[in-house]
């Protein structure tokens, strides 16, 4: 299956690791979904992806996900 990336942002952490949060569209059916991918940078600075998780681009679902992350992250 092919995907079109609509928008993406990276969060760098540690020495050479990143999380990429993106909004994508599956082709050819054009279903829109969110994706969070984990990866690292090579010595040449290129991105290499390791794992990812996709979920609905539903505003309510995303708000629940953010709320749960904040609850779990509390001290």
N, C-alpha and C. Protein backbone atom coordinates (compact mmCIF):
# COMPACT_ATOMS: atom_id res chain seq x y z
N UNK A 1 0.84 -1.17 0.00
CA UNK A 1 0.00 0.00 0.00
C UNK A 1 0.89 1.24 0.00
N UNK A 2 0.48 2.25 -0.71
CA UNK A 2 1.22 3.51 -0.76
C UNK A 2 0.52 4.56 0.08
N UNK A 3 1.30 5.53 0.56
CA UNK A 3 0.78 6.59 1.41
C UNK A 3 1.28 7.93 0.91
N UNK A 4 0.46 8.94 1.11
CA UNK A 4 0.86 10.33 0.86
C UNK A 4 0.93 11.02 2.21
N UNK A 5 2.06 11.64 2.54
CA UNK A 5 2.18 12.36 3.79
C UNK A 5 1.60 13.76 3.60
N UNK A 6 0.62 14.08 4.42
CA UNK A 6 -0.03 15.39 4.35
C UNK A 6 0.76 16.40 5.18
N UNK A 7 1.18 15.99 6.37
CA UNK A 7 1.94 16.87 7.27
C UNK A 7 2.71 15.99 8.24
N UNK A 8 3.91 16.44 8.64
CA UNK A 8 4.67 15.69 9.65
C UNK A 8 5.56 16.62 10.45
N UNK A 9 5.82 16.22 11.68
CA UNK A 9 6.71 16.94 12.59
C UNK A 9 7.55 15.91 13.33
N UNK A 10 8.80 16.26 13.61
CA UNK A 10 9.72 15.39 14.34
C UNK A 10 9.99 15.92 15.73
N UNK A 11 10.21 14.99 16.65
CA UNK A 11 10.69 15.30 17.99
C UNK A 11 11.98 14.51 18.16
N UNK A 12 13.12 15.22 18.25
CA UNK A 12 14.41 14.55 18.46
C UNK A 12 14.61 14.29 19.95
N UNK A 13 15.23 13.16 20.26
CA UNK A 13 15.57 12.84 21.64
C UNK A 13 16.83 11.98 21.64
N UNK A 14 17.47 11.97 22.77
CA UNK A 14 18.78 11.33 22.91
C UNK A 14 19.72 11.83 21.82
N UNK A 15 20.72 11.05 21.52
CA UNK A 15 21.75 11.51 20.60
C UNK A 15 21.32 11.49 19.14
N UNK A 16 20.67 10.44 18.72
CA UNK A 16 20.35 10.33 17.30
C UNK A 16 18.99 9.69 17.04
N UNK A 17 18.06 9.83 17.98
CA UNK A 17 16.75 9.21 17.82
C UNK A 17 15.67 10.26 17.61
N UNK A 18 14.55 9.83 17.02
CA UNK A 18 13.44 10.75 16.81
C UNK A 18 12.11 10.01 16.83
N UNK A 19 11.05 10.78 17.08
CA UNK A 19 9.69 10.34 16.87
C UNK A 19 9.13 11.26 15.78
N UNK A 20 8.44 10.67 14.83
CA UNK A 20 7.80 11.46 13.78
C UNK A 20 6.30 11.29 13.92
N UNK A 21 5.60 12.40 14.07
CA UNK A 21 4.14 12.40 14.13
C UNK A 21 3.65 12.93 12.79
N UNK A 22 2.82 12.15 12.11
CA UNK A 22 2.39 12.57 10.78
C UNK A 22 0.93 12.25 10.52
N UNK A 23 0.39 13.01 9.58
CA UNK A 23 -0.95 12.78 9.07
C UNK A 23 -0.78 12.28 7.66
N UNK A 24 -1.37 11.11 7.35
CA UNK A 24 -1.15 10.49 6.04
C UNK A 24 -2.47 10.10 5.40
N UNK A 25 -2.39 9.91 4.09
CA UNK A 25 -3.53 9.45 3.32
C UNK A 25 -3.14 8.18 2.60
N UNK A 26 -3.91 7.12 2.80
CA UNK A 26 -3.67 5.85 2.11
C UNK A 26 -4.15 5.99 0.66
N UNK A 27 -3.35 5.47 -0.25
CA UNK A 27 -3.71 5.53 -1.67
C UNK A 27 -4.00 4.12 -2.17
N UNK A 28 -4.95 3.89 -2.97
CA UNK A 28 -5.80 4.85 -3.68
C UNK A 28 -7.11 5.17 -2.97
N UNK A 29 -7.40 4.55 -1.80
CA UNK A 29 -8.72 4.75 -1.18
C UNK A 29 -8.87 6.08 -0.46
N UNK A 30 -7.77 6.78 -0.19
CA UNK A 30 -7.75 8.13 0.39
C UNK A 30 -8.24 8.20 1.83
N UNK A 31 -8.18 7.09 2.58
CA UNK A 31 -8.48 7.15 4.01
C UNK A 31 -7.37 7.90 4.72
N UNK A 32 -7.72 8.88 5.56
CA UNK A 32 -6.74 9.69 6.28
C UNK A 32 -6.56 9.11 7.68
N UNK A 33 -5.29 9.03 8.12
CA UNK A 33 -4.99 8.51 9.44
C UNK A 33 -3.77 9.21 10.00
N UNK A 34 -3.55 9.05 11.29
CA UNK A 34 -2.38 9.59 11.98
C UNK A 34 -1.38 8.46 12.17
N UNK A 35 -0.10 8.83 12.25
CA UNK A 35 0.95 7.83 12.42
C UNK A 35 2.04 8.40 13.32
N UNK A 36 2.51 7.58 14.24
CA UNK A 36 3.68 7.94 15.05
C UNK A 36 4.73 6.88 14.77
N UNK A 37 5.88 7.32 14.26
CA UNK A 37 6.98 6.41 13.92
C UNK A 37 8.20 6.72 14.77
N UNK A 38 8.90 5.65 15.16
CA UNK A 38 10.14 5.75 15.92
C UNK A 38 11.29 5.46 14.95
N UNK A 39 12.38 6.20 15.09
CA UNK A 39 13.51 5.95 14.22
C UNK A 39 14.80 6.54 14.75
N UNK A 40 15.82 6.50 13.91
CA UNK A 40 17.12 7.04 14.27
C UNK A 40 17.76 7.66 13.04
N UNK A 41 18.79 8.49 13.28
CA UNK A 41 19.57 9.10 12.21
C UNK A 41 20.84 8.30 11.98
N UNK A 42 21.19 8.05 10.73
CA UNK A 42 22.45 7.37 10.41
C UNK A 42 23.59 8.36 10.60
N UNK A 43 24.82 7.88 10.50
CA UNK A 43 25.99 8.76 10.59
C UNK A 43 25.97 9.82 9.50
N UNK A 44 25.31 9.52 8.37
CA UNK A 44 25.20 10.47 7.27
C UNK A 44 24.03 11.43 7.45
N UNK A 45 23.27 11.28 8.54
CA UNK A 45 22.15 12.17 8.83
C UNK A 45 20.84 11.75 8.19
N UNK A 46 20.79 10.57 7.59
CA UNK A 46 19.56 10.08 6.97
C UNK A 46 18.67 9.43 8.02
N UNK A 47 17.35 9.53 7.81
CA UNK A 47 16.39 8.92 8.73
C UNK A 47 16.23 7.43 8.41
N UNK A 48 16.17 6.63 9.47
CA UNK A 48 15.86 5.22 9.35
C UNK A 48 14.72 4.94 10.33
N UNK A 49 13.67 4.35 9.81
CA UNK A 49 12.49 4.09 10.64
C UNK A 49 12.54 2.67 11.19
N UNK A 50 12.11 2.52 12.46
CA UNK A 50 12.12 1.22 13.11
C UNK A 50 10.71 0.67 13.30
N UNK A 51 9.86 1.43 13.92
CA UNK A 51 8.50 0.96 14.23
C UNK A 51 7.53 2.13 14.10
N UNK A 52 6.28 1.79 13.96
CA UNK A 52 5.26 2.82 13.87
C UNK A 52 3.91 2.30 14.29
N UNK A 53 3.02 3.24 14.59
CA UNK A 53 1.65 2.88 14.94
C UNK A 53 0.72 3.90 14.27
N UNK A 54 -0.32 3.38 13.65
CA UNK A 54 -1.31 4.23 13.00
C UNK A 54 -2.62 4.19 13.76
N UNK A 55 -3.37 5.29 13.69
CA UNK A 55 -4.67 5.36 14.35
C UNK A 55 -5.54 6.38 13.63
N UNK A 56 -6.84 6.37 13.90
CA UNK A 56 -7.76 7.25 13.18
C UNK A 56 -7.43 8.73 13.36
N UNK A 57 -7.66 9.50 12.31
CA UNK A 57 -7.47 10.95 12.38
C UNK A 57 -8.76 11.60 12.89
N UNK A 58 -9.27 11.03 13.97
CA UNK A 58 -10.50 11.48 14.58
C UNK A 58 -10.15 12.40 15.75
N UNK A 59 -10.69 13.63 15.74
CA UNK A 59 -10.32 14.63 16.74
C UNK A 59 -10.57 14.14 18.17
N UNK A 60 -11.70 13.50 18.41
CA UNK A 60 -12.02 13.02 19.76
C UNK A 60 -11.04 11.93 20.21
N UNK A 61 -10.71 11.02 19.30
CA UNK A 61 -9.74 9.97 19.63
C UNK A 61 -8.38 10.58 19.97
N UNK A 62 -7.94 11.56 19.19
CA UNK A 62 -6.65 12.21 19.43
C UNK A 62 -6.65 12.94 20.76
N UNK A 63 -7.74 13.62 21.09
CA UNK A 63 -7.84 14.31 22.39
C UNK A 63 -7.77 13.31 23.54
N UNK A 64 -8.43 12.17 23.40
CA UNK A 64 -8.35 11.13 24.43
C UNK A 64 -6.93 10.59 24.57
N UNK A 65 -6.25 10.39 23.46
CA UNK A 65 -4.87 9.90 23.47
C UNK A 65 -3.96 10.88 24.20
N UNK A 66 -4.07 12.17 23.89
CA UNK A 66 -3.25 13.20 24.54
C UNK A 66 -3.55 13.23 26.04
N UNK A 67 -4.83 13.16 26.40
CA UNK A 67 -5.21 13.17 27.81
C UNK A 67 -4.60 11.99 28.56
N UNK A 68 -4.66 10.81 27.96
CA UNK A 68 -4.10 9.61 28.59
C UNK A 68 -2.58 9.73 28.74
N UNK A 69 -1.90 10.26 27.74
CA UNK A 69 -0.45 10.46 27.83
C UNK A 69 -0.13 11.41 28.98
N UNK A 70 -0.89 12.48 29.11
CA UNK A 70 -0.66 13.44 30.21
C UNK A 70 -0.89 12.80 31.57
N UNK A 71 -1.93 11.98 31.69
CA UNK A 71 -2.21 11.29 32.96
C UNK A 71 -1.08 10.34 33.32
N UNK A 72 -0.63 9.56 32.37
CA UNK A 72 0.43 8.59 32.62
C UNK A 72 1.75 9.28 32.94
N UNK A 73 1.99 10.45 32.34
CA UNK A 73 3.25 11.17 32.53
C UNK A 73 3.31 11.93 33.85
N UNK A 74 2.18 12.08 34.53
CA UNK A 74 2.19 12.81 35.80
C UNK A 74 3.09 12.14 36.82
N UNK A 75 3.71 12.95 37.64
CA UNK A 75 4.58 12.43 38.72
C UNK A 75 3.79 11.75 39.79
